[in-house]
Amino acid sequence: MKLWETVRNDVRNDVNWNRAGHLGLKGLRAFPSAAAQYLLEKFPIIGWLPRYNYRWLVNDVIAGLTLGLMLIPQSLSYAKIATISVQYGLMSSWLPAALYAFMGTTKGK
C-alpha cells in the first residue's frame, strides 16, 4: 500500500505526466472539429457533392464508362503478366476507381 501511494504521488508531481495529461485534454477538446477537418481533407466528396451541378452528370458518366472500358483489358493483362488468374485482375480493377471517386476532386471545388 505504501508503494502505491508513493507511485501515485510521483505521477501527480511529475512534469512530464502533467504535460501529457494537459495535452491529452486539449486534444480531446479539439477532437470533433479536427476530425471533421481531417475527413474533409481526405474525402473531398463530402464537400463538393452537395454543390454538384447535375449538368455535369452526362460528362461524368461518359468519363466513368471510358475508365471502366480501359480498366477491363488493363486488369486482364496485368493479371496475365503477374501469372495469376485473370478473374483476380477483374476483381481488383474496381478499387482504384472507387477510391478516386471518394478521395479525388471534381469541378465543384
PDB file of N, CA and C in Angstrom:
ATOM      1  N   MET A   1       0.822  -1.185   0.000  1.00  0.00           N
ATOM      2  CA  MET A   1       0.000   0.000   0.000  1.00  0.00           C
ATOM      3  C   MET A   1       0.869   1.253   0.000  1.00  0.00           C
ATOM      4  N   LYS A   2       1.969   1.213   0.729  1.00  0.00           N
ATOM      5  CA  LYS A   2       2.874   2.352   0.798  1.00  0.00           C
ATOM      6  C   LYS A   2       3.497   2.619  -0.580  1.00  0.00           C
ATOM      7  N   LEU A   3       3.837   1.544  -1.291  1.00  0.00           N
ATOM      8  CA  LEU A   3       4.417   1.682  -2.627  1.00  0.00           C
ATOM      9  C   LEU A   3       3.420   2.351  -3.574  1.00  0.00           C
ATOM     10  N   TRP A   4       2.143   1.939  -3.475  1.00  0.00           N
ATOM     11  CA  TRP A   4       1.101   2.516  -4.336  1.00  0.00           C
ATOM     12  C   TRP A   4       0.958   4.015  -4.099  1.00  0.00           C
ATOM     13  N   GLU A   5       0.975   4.446  -2.866  1.00  0.00           N
ATOM     14  CA  GLU A   5       0.881   5.872  -2.530  1.00  0.00           C
ATOM     15  C   GLU A   5       2.083   6.641  -3.068  1.00  0.00           C
ATOM     16  N   THR A   6       3.253   6.059  -2.973  1.00  0.00           N
ATOM     17  CA  THR A   6       4.463   6.710  -3.475  1.00  0.00           C
ATOM     18  C   THR A   6       4.397   6.879  -4.993  1.00  0.00           C
ATOM     19  N   VAL A   7       3.976   5.848  -5.692  1.00  0.00           N
ATOM     20  CA  VAL A   7       3.864   5.913  -7.160  1.00  0.00           C
ATOM     21  C   VAL A   7       2.828   6.951  -7.556  1.00  0.00           C
ATOM     22  N   ARG A   8       1.689   6.971  -6.878  1.00  0.00           N
ATOM     23  CA  ARG A   8       0.641   7.921  -7.206  1.00  0.00           C
ATOM     24  C   ARG A   8       1.109   9.368  -6.991  1.00  0.00           C
ATOM     25  N   ASN A   9       1.812   9.626  -5.906  1.00  0.00           N
ATOM     26  CA  ASN A   9       2.342  10.967  -5.654  1.00  0.00           C
ATOM     27  C   ASN A   9       3.406  11.357  -6.677  1.00  0.00           C
ATOM     28  N   ASP A  10       4.246  10.391  -7.054  1.00  0.00           N
ATOM     29  CA  ASP A  10       5.270  10.688  -8.064  1.00  0.00           C
ATOM     30  C   ASP A  10       4.638  11.037  -9.412  1.00  0.00           C
ATOM     31  N   VAL A  11       3.593  10.311  -9.781  1.00  0.00           N
ATOM     32  CA  VAL A  11       2.929  10.582 -11.056  1.00  0.00           C
ATOM     33  C   VAL A  11       2.241  11.949 -11.020  1.00  0.00           C
ATOM     34  N   ARG A  12       1.594  12.286  -9.902  1.00  0.00           N
ATOM     35  CA  ARG A  12       0.922  13.574  -9.779  1.00  0.00           C
ATOM     36  C   ARG A  12       1.893  14.747  -9.859  1.00  0.00           C
ATOM     37  N   ASN A  13       3.081  14.582  -9.333  1.00  0.00           N
ATOM     38  CA  ASN A  13       4.045  15.680  -9.269  1.00  0.00           C
ATOM     39  C   ASN A  13       5.035  15.687 -10.428  1.00  0.00           C
ATOM     40  N   ASP A  14       4.951  14.703 -11.309  1.00  0.00           N
ATOM     41  CA  ASP A  14       5.897  14.626 -12.417  1.00  0.00           C
ATOM     42  C   ASP A  14       5.489  15.609 -13.515  1.00  0.00           C
ATOM     43  N   VAL A  15       6.435  16.389 -13.987  1.00  0.00           N
ATOM     44  CA  VAL A  15       6.173  17.412 -15.008  1.00  0.00           C
ATOM     45  C   VAL A  15       5.734  16.772 -16.326  1.00  0.00           C
ATOM     46  N   ASN A  16       6.376  15.698 -16.712  1.00  0.00           N
ATOM     47  CA  ASN A  16       6.049  15.065 -17.992  1.00  0.00           C
ATOM     48  C   ASN A  16       4.645  14.479 -17.988  1.00  0.00           C
ATOM     49  N   TRP A  17       4.236  13.826 -16.902  1.00  0.00           N
ATOM     50  CA  TRP A  17       2.888  13.281 -16.829  1.00  0.00           C
ATOM     51  C   TRP A  17       1.851  14.391 -16.821  1.00  0.00           C
ATOM     52  N   ASN A  18       2.146  15.472 -16.120  1.00  0.00           N
ATOM     53  CA  ASN A  18       1.216  16.601 -16.114  1.00  0.00           C
ATOM     54  C   ASN A  18       1.081  17.218 -17.501  1.00  0.00           C
ATOM     55  N   ARG A  19       2.192  17.350 -18.204  1.00  0.00           N
ATOM     56  CA  ARG A  19       2.158  17.900 -19.559  1.00  0.00           C
ATOM     57  C   ARG A  19       1.389  16.977 -20.498  1.00  0.00           C
ATOM     58  N   ALA A  20       1.629  15.661 -20.361  1.00  0.00           N
ATOM     59  CA  ALA A  20       0.909  14.704 -21.210  1.00  0.00           C
ATOM     60  C   ALA A  20      -0.593  14.761 -20.933  1.00  0.00           C
ATOM     61  N   GLY A  21      -0.978  14.877 -19.680  1.00  0.00           N
ATOM     62  CA  GLY A  21      -2.392  14.984 -19.345  1.00  0.00           C
ATOM     63  C   GLY A  21      -3.014  16.254 -19.893  1.00  0.00           C
ATOM     64  N   HIS A  22      -2.281  17.365 -19.783  1.00  0.00           N
ATOM     65  CA  HIS A  22      -2.787  18.642 -20.297  1.00  0.00           C
ATOM     66  C   HIS A  22      -2.960  18.597 -21.812  1.00  0.00           C
ATOM     67  N   LEU A  23      -1.960  18.062 -22.518  1.00  0.00           N
ATOM     68  CA  LEU A  23      -2.057  17.977 -23.973  1.00  0.00           C
ATOM     69  C   LEU A  23      -3.131  16.983 -24.406  1.00  0.00           C
ATOM     70  N   GLY A  24      -3.309  15.913 -23.638  1.00  0.00           N
ATOM     71  CA  GLY A  24      -4.368  14.955 -23.951  1.00  0.00           C
ATOM     72  C   GLY A  24      -5.744  15.579 -23.835  1.00  0.00           C
ATOM     73  N   LEU A  25      -5.962  16.354 -22.776  1.00  0.00           N
ATOM     74  CA  LEU A  25      -7.248  17.037 -22.624  1.00  0.00           C
ATOM     75  C   LEU A  25      -7.467  18.077 -23.721  1.00  0.00           C
ATOM     76  N   LYS A  26      -6.410  18.769 -24.080  1.00  0.00           N
ATOM     77  CA  LYS A  26      -6.504  19.763 -25.157  1.00  0.00           C
ATOM     78  C   LYS A  26      -6.874  19.082 -26.477  1.00  0.00           C
ATOM     79  N   GLY A  27      -6.271  17.919 -26.727  1.00  0.00           N
ATOM     80  CA  GLY A  27      -6.587  17.169 -27.938  1.00  0.00           C
ATOM     81  C   GLY A  27      -8.011  16.651 -27.940  1.00  0.00           C
ATOM     82  N   LEU A  28      -8.492  16.192 -26.768  1.00  0.00           N
ATOM     83  CA  LEU A  28      -9.876  15.711 -26.689  1.00  0.00           C
ATOM     84  C   LEU A  28     -10.879  16.824 -26.935  1.00  0.00           C
ATOM     85  N   ARG A  29     -10.573  18.037 -26.455  1.00  0.00           N
ATOM     86  CA  ARG A  29     -11.480  19.158 -26.695  1.00  0.00           C
ATOM     87  C   ARG A  29     -11.511  19.541 -28.165  1.00  0.00           C
ATOM     88  N   ALA A  30     -10.391  19.405 -28.858  1.00  0.00           N
ATOM     89  CA  ALA A  30     -10.313  19.785 -30.276  1.00  0.00           C
ATOM     90  C   ALA A  30     -10.716  18.643 -31.201  1.00  0.00           C
ATOM     91  N   PHE A  31     -11.004  17.475 -30.664  1.00  0.00           N
ATOM     92  CA  PHE A  31     -11.247  16.299 -31.495  1.00  0.00           C
ATOM     93  C   PHE A  31     -12.394  16.456 -32.490  1.00  0.00           C
ATOM     94  N   PRO A  32     -13.583  16.944 -32.099  1.00  0.00           N
ATOM     95  CA  PRO A  32     -14.677  16.999 -33.089  1.00  0.00           C
ATOM     96  C   PRO A  32     -14.350  17.859 -34.305  1.00  0.00           C
ATOM     97  N   SER A  33     -13.820  19.053 -34.092  1.00  0.00           N
ATOM     98  CA  SER A  33     -13.518  19.908 -35.245  1.00  0.00           C
ATOM     99  C   SER A  33     -12.323  19.369 -36.023  1.00  0.00           C
ATOM    100  N   ALA A  34     -11.348  18.802 -35.324  1.00  0.00           N
ATOM    101  CA  ALA A  34     -10.189  18.237 -36.014  1.00  0.00           C
ATOM    102  C   ALA A  34     -10.596  17.019 -36.837  1.00  0.00           C
ATOM    103  N   ALA A  35     -11.493  16.208 -36.309  1.00  0.00           N
ATOM    104  CA  ALA A  35     -11.947  15.031 -37.053  1.00  0.00           C
ATOM    105  C   ALA A  35     -12.713  15.446 -38.303  1.00  0.00           C
ATOM    106  N   ALA A  36     -13.556  16.472 -38.178  1.00  0.00           N
ATOM    107  CA  ALA A  36     -14.298  16.953 -39.344  1.00  0.00           C
ATOM    108  C   ALA A  36     -13.351  17.521 -40.396  1.00  0.00           C
ATOM    109  N   GLN A  37     -12.366  18.281 -39.973  1.00  0.00           N
ATOM    110  CA  GLN A  37     -11.394  18.845 -40.906  1.00  0.00           C
ATOM    111  C   GLN A  37     -10.599  17.727 -41.588  1.00  0.00           C
ATOM    112  N   TYR A  38     -10.226  16.704 -40.841  1.00  0.00           N
ATOM    113  CA  TYR A  38      -9.481  15.574 -41.406  1.00  0.00           C
ATOM    114  C   TYR A  38     -10.319  14.859 -42.462  1.00  0.00           C
ATOM    115  N   LEU A  39     -11.591  14.616 -42.162  1.00  0.00           N
ATOM    116  CA  LEU A  39     -12.451  13.951 -43.134  1.00  0.00           C
ATOM    117  C   LEU A  39     -12.635  14.785 -44.395  1.00  0.00           C
ATOM    118  N   LEU A  40     -12.779  16.094 -44.249  1.00  0.00           N
ATOM    119  CA  LEU A  40     -12.912  16.957 -45.423  1.00  0.00           C
ATOM    120  C   LEU A  40     -11.645  16.956 -46.267  1.00  0.00           C
ATOM    121  N   GLU A  41     -10.488  16.869 -45.621  1.00  0.00           N
ATOM    122  CA  GLU A  41      -9.233  16.832 -46.373  1.00  0.00           C
ATOM    123  C   GLU A  41      -9.059  15.506 -47.105  1.00  0.00           C
ATOM    124  N   LYS A  42      -9.412  14.405 -46.459  1.00  0.00           N
ATOM    125  CA  LYS A  42      -9.182  13.085 -47.048  1.00  0.00           C
ATOM    126  C   LYS A  42     -10.280  12.658 -48.012  1.00  0.00           C
ATOM    127  N   PHE A  43     -11.506  13.126 -47.791  1.00  0.00           N
ATOM    128  CA  PHE A  43     -12.630  12.752 -48.650  1.00  0.00           C
ATOM    129  C   PHE A  43     -13.301  14.011 -49.174  1.00  0.00           C
ATOM    130  N   PRO A  44     -12.762  14.602 -50.238  1.00  0.00           N
ATOM    131  CA  PRO A  44     -13.335  15.844 -50.764  1.00  0.00           C
ATOM    132  C   PRO A  44     -14.772  15.700 -51.259  1.00  0.00           C
ATOM    133  N   ILE A  45     -15.217  14.471 -51.512  1.00  0.00           N
ATOM    134  CA  ILE A  45     -16.590  14.271 -51.987  1.00  0.00           C
ATOM    135  C   ILE A  45     -17.600  14.821 -50.983  1.00  0.00           C
ATOM    136  N   ILE A  46     -17.247  14.827 -49.699  1.00  0.00           N
ATOM    137  CA  ILE A  46     -18.145  15.352 -48.665  1.00  0.00           C
ATOM    138  C   ILE A  46     -18.405  16.839 -48.900  1.00  0.00           C
ATOM    139  N   GLY A  47     -17.385  17.553 -49.352  1.00  0.00           N
ATOM    140  CA  GLY A  47     -17.533  18.987 -49.563  1.00  0.00           C
ATOM    141  C   GLY A  47     -18.206  19.362 -50.867  1.00  0.00           C
ATOM    142  N   TRP A  48     -17.884  18.635 -51.950  1.00  0.00           N
ATOM    143  CA  TRP A  48     -18.411  19.074 -53.242  1.00  0.00           C
ATOM    144  C   TRP A  48     -19.713  18.391 -53.647  1.00  0.00           C
ATOM    145  N   LEU A  49     -20.054  17.264 -53.078  1.00  0.00           N
ATOM    146  CA  LEU A  49     -21.271  16.578 -53.512  1.00  0.00           C
ATOM    147  C   LEU A  49     -22.544  17.390 -53.283  1.00  0.00           C
ATOM    148  N   PRO A  50     -22.699  18.087 -52.168  1.00  0.00           N
ATOM    149  CA  PRO A  50     -23.917  18.899 -52.027  1.00  0.00           C
ATOM    150  C   PRO A  50     -24.020  20.031 -53.056  1.00  0.00           C
ATOM    151  N   ARG A  51     -22.889  20.493 -53.576  1.00  0.00           N
ATOM    152  CA  ARG A  51     -22.900  21.581 -54.561  1.00  0.00           C
ATOM    153  C   ARG A  51     -22.745  21.065 -55.994  1.00  0.00           C
ATOM    154  N   TYR A  52     -22.890  19.761 -56.204  1.00  0.00           N
ATOM    155  CA  TYR A  52     -22.667  19.171 -57.527  1.00  0.00           C
ATOM    156  C   TYR A  52     -23.688  19.696 -58.525  1.00  0.00           C
ATOM    157  N   ASN A  53     -23.210  20.103 -59.676  1.00  0.00           N
ATOM    158  CA  ASN A  53     -24.071  20.611 -60.750  1.00  0.00           C
ATOM    159  C   ASN A  53     -24.474  19.425 -61.630  1.00  0.00           C
ATOM    160  N   TYR A  54     -25.755  19.142 -61.699  1.00  0.00           N
ATOM    161  CA  TYR A  54     -26.225  17.964 -62.426  1.00  0.00           C
ATOM    162  C   TYR A  54     -26.064  18.080 -63.933  1.00  0.00           C
ATOM    163  N   ARG A  55     -25.712  19.243 -64.439  1.00  0.00           N
ATOM    164  CA  ARG A  55     -25.412  19.371 -65.865  1.00  0.00           C
ATOM    165  C   ARG A  55     -24.128  18.630 -66.219  1.00  0.00           C
ATOM    166  N   TRP A  56     -23.297  18.372 -65.221  1.00  0.00           N
ATOM    167  CA  TRP A  56     -22.037  17.649 -65.453  1.00  0.00           C
ATOM    168  C   TRP A  56     -22.228  16.142 -65.439  1.00  0.00           C
ATOM    169  N   LEU A  57     -23.412  15.665 -65.115  1.00  0.00           N
ATOM    170  CA  LEU A  57     -23.641  14.240 -64.918  1.00  0.00           C
ATOM    171  C   LEU A  57     -23.368  13.432 -66.188  1.00  0.00           C
ATOM    172  N   VAL A  58     -23.800  13.904 -67.336  1.00  0.00           N
ATOM    173  CA  VAL A  58     -23.587  13.163 -68.587  1.00  0.00           C
ATOM    174  C   VAL A  58     -22.091  13.015 -68.863  1.00  0.00           C
ATOM    175  N   ASN A  59     -21.345  14.115 -68.723  1.00  0.00           N
ATOM    176  CA  ASN A  59     -19.901  14.050 -68.954  1.00  0.00           C
ATOM    177  C   ASN A  59     -19.214  13.129 -67.950  1.00  0.00           C
ATOM    178  N   ASP A  60     -19.655  13.147 -66.701  1.00  0.00           N
ATOM    179  CA  ASP A  60     -19.051  12.282 -65.693  1.00  0.00           C
ATOM    180  C   ASP A  60     -19.361  10.814 -65.946  1.00  0.00           C
ATOM    181  N   VAL A  61     -20.571  10.527 -66.431  1.00  0.00           N
ATOM    182  CA  VAL A  61     -20.918   9.139 -66.762  1.00  0.00           C
ATOM    183  C   VAL A  61     -20.082   8.661 -67.945  1.00  0.00           C
ATOM    184  N   ILE A  62     -19.902   9.505 -68.939  1.00  0.00           N
ATOM    185  CA  ILE A  62     -19.064   9.135 -70.088  1.00  0.00           C
ATOM    186  C   ILE A  62     -17.625   8.891 -69.637  1.00  0.00           C
ATOM    187  N   ALA A  63     -17.120   9.742 -68.753  1.00  0.00           N
ATOM    188  CA  ALA A  63     -15.760   9.542 -68.234  1.00  0.00           C
ATOM    189  C   ALA A  63     -15.667   8.244 -67.440  1.00  0.00           C
ATOM    190  N   GLY A  64     -16.692   7.926 -66.646  1.00  0.00           N
ATOM    191  CA  GLY A  64     -16.684   6.682 -65.884  1.00  0.00           C
ATOM    192  C   GLY A  64     -16.726   5.456 -66.778  1.00  0.00           C
ATOM    193  N   LEU A  65     -17.542   5.508 -67.839  1.00  0.00           N
ATOM    194  CA  LEU A  65     -17.590   4.386 -68.780  1.00  0.00           C
ATOM    195  C   LEU A  65     -16.267   4.224 -69.525  1.00  0.00           C
ATOM    196  N   THR A  66     -15.658   5.329 -69.894  1.00  0.00           N
ATOM    197  CA  THR A  66     -14.358   5.271 -70.557  1.00  0.00           C
ATOM    198  C   THR A  66     -13.312   4.638 -69.641  1.00  0.00           C
ATOM    199  N   LEU A  67     -13.327   5.043 -68.398  1.00  0.00           N
ATOM    200  CA  LEU A  67     -12.390   4.465 -67.429  1.00  0.00           C
ATOM    201  C   LEU A  67     -12.643   2.978 -67.251  1.00  0.00           C
ATOM    202  N   GLY A  68     -13.911   2.595 -67.146  1.00  0.00           N
ATOM    203  CA  GLY A  68     -14.236   1.183 -66.992  1.00  0.00           C
ATOM    204  C   GLY A  68     -13.825   0.359 -68.195  1.00  0.00           C
ATOM    205  N   LEU A  69     -14.062   0.892 -69.396  1.00  0.00           N
ATOM    206  CA  LEU A  69     -13.665   0.168 -70.607  1.00  0.00           C
ATOM    207  C   LEU A  69     -12.155   0.056 -70.741  1.00  0.00           C
ATOM    208  N   MET A  70     -11.435   1.022 -70.194  1.00  0.00           N
ATOM    209  CA  MET A  70      -9.978   0.949 -70.227  1.00  0.00           C
ATOM    210  C   MET A  70      -9.456  -0.020 -69.163  1.00  0.00           C
ATOM    211  N   LEU A  71     -10.107  -0.067 -68.002  1.00  0.00           N
ATOM    212  CA  LEU A  71      -9.609  -0.884 -66.903  1.00  0.00           C
ATOM    213  C   LEU A  71      -9.796  -2.376 -67.131  1.00  0.00           C
ATOM    214  N   ILE A  72     -10.815  -2.765 -67.877  1.00  0.00           N
ATOM    215  CA  ILE A  72     -11.051  -4.197 -68.071  1.00  0.00           C
ATOM    216  C   ILE A  72      -9.885  -4.871 -68.794  1.00  0.00           C
ATOM    217  N   PRO A  73      -9.485  -4.424 -69.992  1.00  0.00           N
ATOM    218  CA  PRO A  73      -8.347  -5.092 -70.624  1.00  0.00           C
ATOM    219  C   PRO A  73      -7.031  -4.882 -69.867  1.00  0.00           C
ATOM    220  N   GLN A  74      -6.897  -3.713 -69.238  1.00  0.00           N
ATOM    221  CA  GLN A  74      -5.668  -3.462 -68.480  1.00  0.00           C
ATOM    222  C   GLN A  74      -5.547  -4.427 -67.308  1.00  0.00           C
ATOM    223  N   SER A  75      -6.630  -4.633 -66.578  1.00  0.00           N
ATOM    224  CA  SER A  75      -6.563  -5.530 -65.425  1.00  0.00           C
ATOM    225  C   SER A  75      -6.362  -6.980 -65.871  1.00  0.00           C
ATOM    226  N   LEU A  76      -6.956  -7.341 -67.000  1.00  0.00           N
ATOM    227  CA  LEU A  76      -6.737  -8.693 -67.524  1.00  0.00           C
ATOM    228  C   LEU A  76      -5.278  -8.904 -67.906  1.00  0.00           C
ATOM    229  N   SER A  77      -4.687  -7.923 -68.567  1.00  0.00           N
ATOM    230  CA  SER A  77      -3.298  -8.091 -68.984  1.00  0.00           C
ATOM    231  C   SER A  77      -2.329  -8.036 -67.803  1.00  0.00           C
ATOM    232  N   TYR A  78      -2.603  -7.190 -66.813  1.00  0.00           N
ATOM    233  CA  TYR A  78      -1.733  -7.154 -65.639  1.00  0.00           C
ATOM    234  C   TYR A  78      -1.805  -8.466 -64.857  1.00  0.00           C
ATOM    235  N   ALA A  79      -2.983  -9.050 -64.787  1.00  0.00           N
ATOM    236  CA  ALA A  79      -3.102 -10.342 -64.111  1.00  0.00           C
ATOM    237  C   ALA A  79      -2.339 -11.416 -64.872  1.00  0.00           C
ATOM    238  N   LYS A  80      -2.401 -11.351 -66.196  1.00  0.00           N
ATOM    239  CA  LYS A  80      -1.673 -12.326 -67.007  1.00  0.00           C
ATOM    240  C   LYS A  80      -0.170 -12.163 -66.843  1.00  0.00           C
ATOM    241  N   ILE A  81       0.301 -10.907 -66.786  1.00  0.00           N
ATOM    242  CA  ILE A  81       1.730 -10.652 -66.584  1.00  0.00           C
ATOM    243  C   ILE A  81       2.179 -11.161 -65.217  1.00  0.00           C
ATOM    244  N   ALA A  82       1.326 -11.008 -64.216  1.00  0.00           N
ATOM    245  CA  ALA A  82       1.663 -11.442 -62.857  1.00  0.00           C
ATOM    246  C   ALA A  82       1.477 -12.947 -62.682  1.00  0.00           C
ATOM    247  N   THR A  83       1.064 -13.616 -63.720  1.00  0.00           N
ATOM    248  CA  THR A  83       0.808 -15.062 -63.730  1.00  0.00           C
ATOM    249  C   THR A  83      -0.184 -15.477 -62.632  1.00  0.00           C
ATOM    250  N   ILE A  84      -1.239 -14.693 -62.515  1.00  0.00           N
ATOM    251  CA  ILE A  84      -2.352 -15.074 -61.652  1.00  0.00           C
ATOM    252  C   ILE A  84      -3.587 -15.194 -62.529  1.00  0.00           C
ATOM    253  N   SER A  85      -4.608 -15.756 -61.990  1.00  0.00           N
ATOM    254  CA  SER A  85      -5.835 -15.941 -62.757  1.00  0.00           C
ATOM    255  C   SER A  85      -6.434 -14.581 -63.134  1.00  0.00           C
ATOM    256  N   VAL A  86      -6.964 -14.486 -64.348  1.00  0.00           N
ATOM    257  CA  VAL A  86      -7.473 -13.198 -64.818  1.00  0.00           C
ATOM    258  C   VAL A  86      -8.691 -12.733 -64.024  1.00  0.00           C
ATOM    259  N   GLN A  87      -9.390 -13.658 -63.363  1.00  0.00           N
ATOM    260  CA  GLN A  87     -10.521 -13.261 -62.535  1.00  0.00           C
ATOM    261  C   GLN A  87     -10.071 -12.341 -61.405  1.00  0.00           C
ATOM    262  N   TYR A  88      -8.892 -12.601 -60.855  1.00  0.00           N
ATOM    263  CA  TYR A  88      -8.378 -11.751 -59.777  1.00  0.00           C
ATOM    264  C   TYR A  88      -8.051 -10.350 -60.289  1.00  0.00           C
ATOM    265  N   GLY A  89      -7.599 -10.266 -61.516  1.00  0.00           N
ATOM    266  CA  GLY A  89      -7.356  -8.957 -62.118  1.00  0.00           C
ATOM    267  C   GLY A  89      -8.647  -8.165 -62.266  1.00  0.00           C
ATOM    268  N   LEU A  90      -9.713  -8.834 -62.696  1.00  0.00           N
ATOM    269  CA  LEU A  90     -11.005  -8.160 -62.824  1.00  0.00           C
ATOM    270  C   LEU A  90     -11.570  -7.754 -61.464  1.00  0.00           C
ATOM    271  N   MET A  91     -11.386  -8.613 -60.473  1.00  0.00           N
ATOM    272  CA  MET A  91     -11.914  -8.293 -59.145  1.00  0.00           C
ATOM    273  C   MET A  91     -11.193  -7.101 -58.519  1.00  0.00           C
ATOM    274  N   SER A  92      -9.927  -6.924 -58.861  1.00  0.00           N
ATOM    275  CA  SER A  92      -9.172  -5.828 -58.252  1.00  0.00           C
ATOM    276  C   SER A  92      -9.220  -4.539 -59.067  1.00  0.00           C
ATOM    277  N   SER A  93      -9.798  -4.562 -60.253  1.00  0.00           N
ATOM    278  CA  SER A  93      -9.765  -3.376 -61.110  1.00  0.00           C
ATOM    279  C   SER A  93     -10.709  -2.274 -60.647  1.00  0.00           C
ATOM    280  N   TRP A  94     -11.717  -2.569 -59.865  1.00  0.00           N
ATOM    281  CA  TRP A  94     -12.690  -1.556 -59.442  1.00  0.00           C
ATOM    282  C   TRP A  94     -12.172  -0.693 -58.301  1.00  0.00           C
ATOM    283  N   LEU A  95     -11.207  -1.188 -57.521  1.00  0.00           N
ATOM    284  CA  LEU A  95     -10.780  -0.476 -56.321  1.00  0.00           C
ATOM    285  C   LEU A  95     -10.150   0.889 -56.601  1.00  0.00           C
ATOM    286  N   PRO A  96      -9.209   1.034 -57.541  1.00  0.00           N
ATOM    287  CA  PRO A  96      -8.645   2.375 -57.765  1.00  0.00           C
ATOM    288  C   PRO A  96      -9.680   3.406 -58.205  1.00  0.00           C
ATOM    289  N   ALA A  97     -10.612   3.007 -59.050  1.00  0.00           N
ATOM    290  CA  ALA A  97     -11.635   3.943 -59.497  1.00  0.00           C
ATOM    291  C   ALA A  97     -12.572   4.328 -58.352  1.00  0.00           C
ATOM    292  N   ALA A  98     -12.917   3.378 -57.513  1.00  0.00           N
ATOM    293  CA  ALA A  98     -13.788   3.680 -56.373  1.00  0.00           C
ATOM    294  C   ALA A  98     -13.076   4.589 -55.375  1.00  0.00           C
ATOM    295  N   LEU A  99     -11.798   4.346 -55.131  1.00  0.00           N
ATOM    296  CA  LEU A  99     -11.040   5.216 -54.226  1.00  0.00           C
ATOM    297  C   LEU A  99     -10.951   6.629 -54.780  1.00  0.00           C
ATOM    298  N   TYR A 100     -10.743   6.748 -56.075  1.00  0.00           N
ATOM    299  CA  TYR A 100     -10.657   8.082 -56.665  1.00  0.00           C
ATOM    300  C   TYR A 100     -11.991   8.815 -56.573  1.00  0.00           C
ATOM    301  N   ALA A 101     -13.084   8.072 -56.691  1.00  0.00           N
ATOM    302  CA  ALA A 101     -14.398   8.724 -56.604  1.00  0.00           C
ATOM    303  C   ALA A 101     -14.592   9.381 -55.248  1.00  0.00           C
ATOM    304  N   PHE A 102     -14.094   8.770 -54.198  1.00  0.00           N
ATOM    305  CA  PHE A 102     -14.261   9.335 -52.858  1.00  0.00           C
ATOM    306  C   PHE A 102     -13.143  10.283 -52.469  1.00  0.00           C
ATOM    307  N   MET A 103     -11.928  10.036 -52.947  1.00  0.00           N
ATOM    308  CA  MET A 103     -10.789  10.825 -52.490  1.00  0.00           C
ATOM    309  C   MET A 103     -10.298  11.829 -53.509  1.00  0.00           C
ATOM    310  N   GLY A 104     -10.874  11.825 -54.709  1.00  0.00           N
ATOM    311  CA  GLY A 104     -10.498  12.789 -55.720  1.00  0.00           C
ATOM    312  C   GLY A 104     -11.414  13.997 -55.679  1.00  0.00           C
ATOM    313  N   THR A 105     -11.128  14.949 -56.516  1.00  0.00           N
ATOM    314  CA  THR A 105     -11.962  16.142 -56.569  1.00  0.00           C
ATOM    315  C   THR A 105     -12.613  16.246 -57.927  1.00  0.00           C
ATOM    316  N   THR A 106     -13.536  17.158 -58.051  1.00  0.00           N
ATOM    317  CA  THR A 106     -14.244  17.374 -59.294  1.00  0.00           C
ATOM    318  C   THR A 106     -14.312  18.877 -59.560  1.00  0.00           C
ATOM    319  N   LYS A 107     -15.086  19.257 -60.540  1.00  0.00           N
ATOM    320  CA  LYS A 107     -15.200  20.684 -60.914  1.00  0.00           C
ATOM    321  C   LYS A 107     -15.802  21.529 -59.806  1.00  0.00           C
ATOM    322  N   GLY A 108     -16.517  20.905 -58.860  1.00  0.00           N
ATOM    323  CA  GLY A 108     -17.227  21.639 -57.820  1.00  0.00           C
ATOM    324  C   GLY A 108     -16.313  22.322 -56.816  1.00  0.00           C
ATOM    325  N   LYS A 109     -15.041  22.053 -56.864  1.00  0.00           N
ATOM    326  CA  LYS A 109     -14.150  22.640 -55.860  1.00  0.00           C
ATOM    327  C   LYS A 109     -13.741  24.051 -56.179  1.00  0.00           C
TER     328      LYS A 109
END
